[in-house]
Amino acid sequence: VRAMGVAAAVAALRAHASVSRVAFAACGRLASICAEEQNCQAAADAGTIEAIVAAMQAHPQHAAVQRYGCKALCNVCAGTNAAGLARLQ
């Protein structure tokens, strides 16, 4: 998972959202990828936000999934340009 790109990490979340270690690893990877603002819009377009929310809903008691899910969402929604503000909606 560490070497996955956005599409692969989102696909892993969608396919294995019920597996906590996959959700944890994929959310962590997406948080890392989206720490760079130039990756955020592509991530949002790939369905990252929905996949992360689904993973967090599937693991409400798993602290690491919640922590990395929140971090990933925060990173995806970052930005003060028009695209960043739209992702917040």
C-alpha atoms as a PDB file:
ATOM      1  CA  VAL A   1       0.000   0.000   0.000  1.00  0.00           C
ATOM      2  CA  ARG A   2       2.896   2.380   0.694  1.00  0.00           C
ATOM      3  CA  ALA A   3       3.734   2.591  -3.009  1.00  0.00           C
ATOM      4  CA  MET A   4       0.135   2.893  -4.231  1.00  0.00           C
ATOM      5  CA  GLY A   5      -1.097   5.871  -6.129  1.00  0.00           C
ATOM      6  CA  VAL A   6      -4.458   7.524  -5.586  1.00  0.00           C
ATOM      7  CA  ALA A   7      -6.466   5.211  -7.842  1.00  0.00           C
ATOM      8  CA  ALA A   8      -5.019   2.051  -6.305  1.00  0.00           C
ATOM      9  CA  ALA A   9      -5.529   3.260  -2.730  1.00  0.00           C
ATOM     10  CA  VAL A  10      -9.140   4.253  -3.459  1.00  0.00           C
ATOM     11  CA  ALA A  11      -9.740   0.889  -5.162  1.00  0.00           C
ATOM     12  CA  ALA A  12      -8.306  -0.923  -2.131  1.00  0.00           C
ATOM     13  CA  LEU A  13     -10.592   1.053   0.192  1.00  0.00           C
ATOM     14  CA  ARG A  14     -13.630   0.295  -1.920  1.00  0.00           C
ATOM     15  CA  ALA A  15     -12.841  -3.399  -2.286  1.00  0.00           C
ATOM     16  CA  HIS A  16     -11.725  -4.027   1.308  1.00  0.00           C
ATOM     17  CA  ALA A  17     -13.353  -1.335   3.427  1.00  0.00           C
ATOM     18  CA  SER A  18     -14.330  -3.921   6.036  1.00  0.00           C
ATOM     19  CA  VAL A  19     -10.684  -4.912   6.624  1.00  0.00           C
ATOM     20  CA  SER A  20      -9.301  -2.513   9.221  1.00  0.00           C
ATOM     21  CA  ARG A  21      -5.623  -2.908   8.305  1.00  0.00           C
ATOM     22  CA  VAL A  22      -6.395  -2.151   4.647  1.00  0.00           C
ATOM     23  CA  ALA A  23      -8.484   0.871   5.658  1.00  0.00           C
ATOM     24  CA  PHE A  24      -5.708   2.072   7.968  1.00  0.00           C
ATOM     25  CA  ALA A  25      -2.970   1.649   5.359  1.00  0.00           C
ATOM     26  CA  ALA A  26      -4.969   3.156   2.494  1.00  0.00           C
ATOM     27  CA  CYS A  27      -6.094   6.158   4.543  1.00  0.00           C
ATOM     28  CA  GLY A  28      -2.494   6.708   5.616  1.00  0.00           C
ATOM     29  CA  ARG A  29      -1.307   6.516   2.023  1.00  0.00           C
ATOM     30  CA  LEU A  30      -3.979   8.943   0.844  1.00  0.00           C
ATOM     31  CA  ALA A  31      -3.078  11.335   3.658  1.00  0.00           C
ATOM     32  CA  SER A  32       0.537  11.267   2.444  1.00  0.00           C
ATOM     33  CA  ILE A  33      -0.334  11.713  -1.222  1.00  0.00           C
ATOM     34  CA  CYS A  34      -2.730  14.570  -0.493  1.00  0.00           C
ATOM     35  CA  ALA A  35      -0.239  16.377   1.722  1.00  0.00           C
ATOM     36  CA  GLU A  36       0.921  17.839  -1.599  1.00  0.00           C
ATOM     37  CA  GLU A  37      -1.794  20.219  -2.764  1.00  0.00           C
ATOM     38  CA  GLN A  38      -1.250  19.451  -6.451  1.00  0.00           C
ATOM     39  CA  ASN A  39      -2.575  15.909  -5.804  1.00  0.00           C
ATOM     40  CA  CYS A  40      -5.758  16.933  -4.030  1.00  0.00           C
ATOM     41  CA  GLN A  41      -8.081  17.581  -6.954  1.00  0.00           C
ATOM     42  CA  ALA A  42      -7.138  14.344  -8.713  1.00  0.00           C
ATOM     43  CA  ALA A  43      -7.725  12.507  -5.447  1.00  0.00           C
ATOM     44  CA  ALA A  44     -11.134  14.104  -4.999  1.00  0.00           C
ATOM     45  CA  ASP A  45     -12.048  13.294  -8.600  1.00  0.00           C
ATOM     46  CA  ALA A  46     -11.066   9.651  -7.996  1.00  0.00           C
ATOM     47  CA  GLY A  47     -13.605   9.332  -5.179  1.00  0.00           C
ATOM     48  CA  THR A  48     -11.180   9.609  -2.298  1.00  0.00           C
ATOM     49  CA  ILE A  49     -13.539  11.531  -0.031  1.00  0.00           C
ATOM     50  CA  GLU A  50     -16.369   9.009  -0.342  1.00  0.00           C
ATOM     51  CA  ALA A  51     -14.033   6.026   0.071  1.00  0.00           C
ATOM     52  CA  ILE A  52     -12.436   7.467   3.208  1.00  0.00           C
ATOM     53  CA  VAL A  53     -15.809   8.284   4.761  1.00  0.00           C
ATOM     54  CA  ALA A  54     -17.011   4.726   4.060  1.00  0.00           C
ATOM     55  CA  ALA A  55     -13.877   3.277   5.669  1.00  0.00           C
ATOM     56  CA  MET A  56     -14.297   5.492   8.722  1.00  0.00           C
ATOM     57  CA  GLN A  57     -17.944   4.471   9.026  1.00  0.00           C
ATOM     58  CA  ALA A  58     -16.959   0.799   8.773  1.00  0.00           C
ATOM     59  CA  HIS A  59     -14.438   1.161  11.635  1.00  0.00           C
ATOM     60  CA  PRO A  60     -15.855   3.658  14.153  1.00  0.00           C
ATOM     61  CA  GLN A  61     -13.893   2.139  17.059  1.00  0.00           C
ATOM     62  CA  HIS A  62     -10.551   1.781  15.248  1.00  0.00           C
ATOM     63  CA  ALA A  63      -8.530   4.795  16.376  1.00  0.00           C
ATOM     64  CA  ALA A  64      -5.895   4.545  13.641  1.00  0.00           C
ATOM     65  CA  VAL A  65      -8.480   4.381  10.832  1.00  0.00           C
ATOM     66  CA  GLN A  66     -10.243   7.401  12.338  1.00  0.00           C
ATOM     67  CA  ARG A  67      -6.992   9.339  12.799  1.00  0.00           C
ATOM     68  CA  TYR A  68      -5.627   8.702   9.309  1.00  0.00           C
ATOM     69  CA  GLY A  69      -9.066   9.087   7.756  1.00  0.00           C
ATOM     70  CA  CYS A  70      -9.409  12.536   9.334  1.00  0.00           C
ATOM     71  CA  LYS A  71      -5.891  13.464   8.283  1.00  0.00           C
ATOM     72  CA  ALA A  72      -6.556  12.330   4.707  1.00  0.00           C
ATOM     73  CA  LEU A  73      -9.852  14.226   4.524  1.00  0.00           C
ATOM     74  CA  CYS A  74      -8.206  17.335   5.907  1.00  0.00           C
ATOM     75  CA  ASN A  75      -5.425  17.090   3.332  1.00  0.00           C
ATOM     76  CA  VAL A  76      -7.783  16.419   0.407  1.00  0.00           C
ATOM     77  CA  CYS A  77      -9.936  19.396   1.333  1.00  0.00           C
ATOM     78  CA  ALA A  78      -6.989  21.749   1.781  1.00  0.00           C
ATOM     79  CA  GLY A  79      -6.448  24.731  -0.428  1.00  0.00           C
ATOM     80  CA  THR A  80      -7.700  28.259  -0.664  1.00  0.00           C
ATOM     81  CA  ASN A  81      -8.142  28.355  -4.425  1.00  0.00           C
ATOM     82  CA  ALA A  82     -11.552  27.749  -6.021  1.00  0.00           C
ATOM     83  CA  ALA A  83     -10.978  23.988  -6.338  1.00  0.00           C
ATOM     84  CA  GLY A  84      -9.956  23.685  -2.690  1.00  0.00           C
ATOM     85  CA  LEU A  85     -13.000  25.593  -1.541  1.00  0.00           C
ATOM     86  CA  ALA A  86     -15.240  23.439  -3.748  1.00  0.00           C
ATOM     87  CA  ARG A  87     -13.811  20.252  -2.187  1.00  0.00           C
ATOM     88  CA  LEU A  88     -14.912  21.536   1.209  1.00  0.00           C
ATOM     89  CA  GLN A  89     -18.521  21.471   0.040  1.00  0.00           C
END
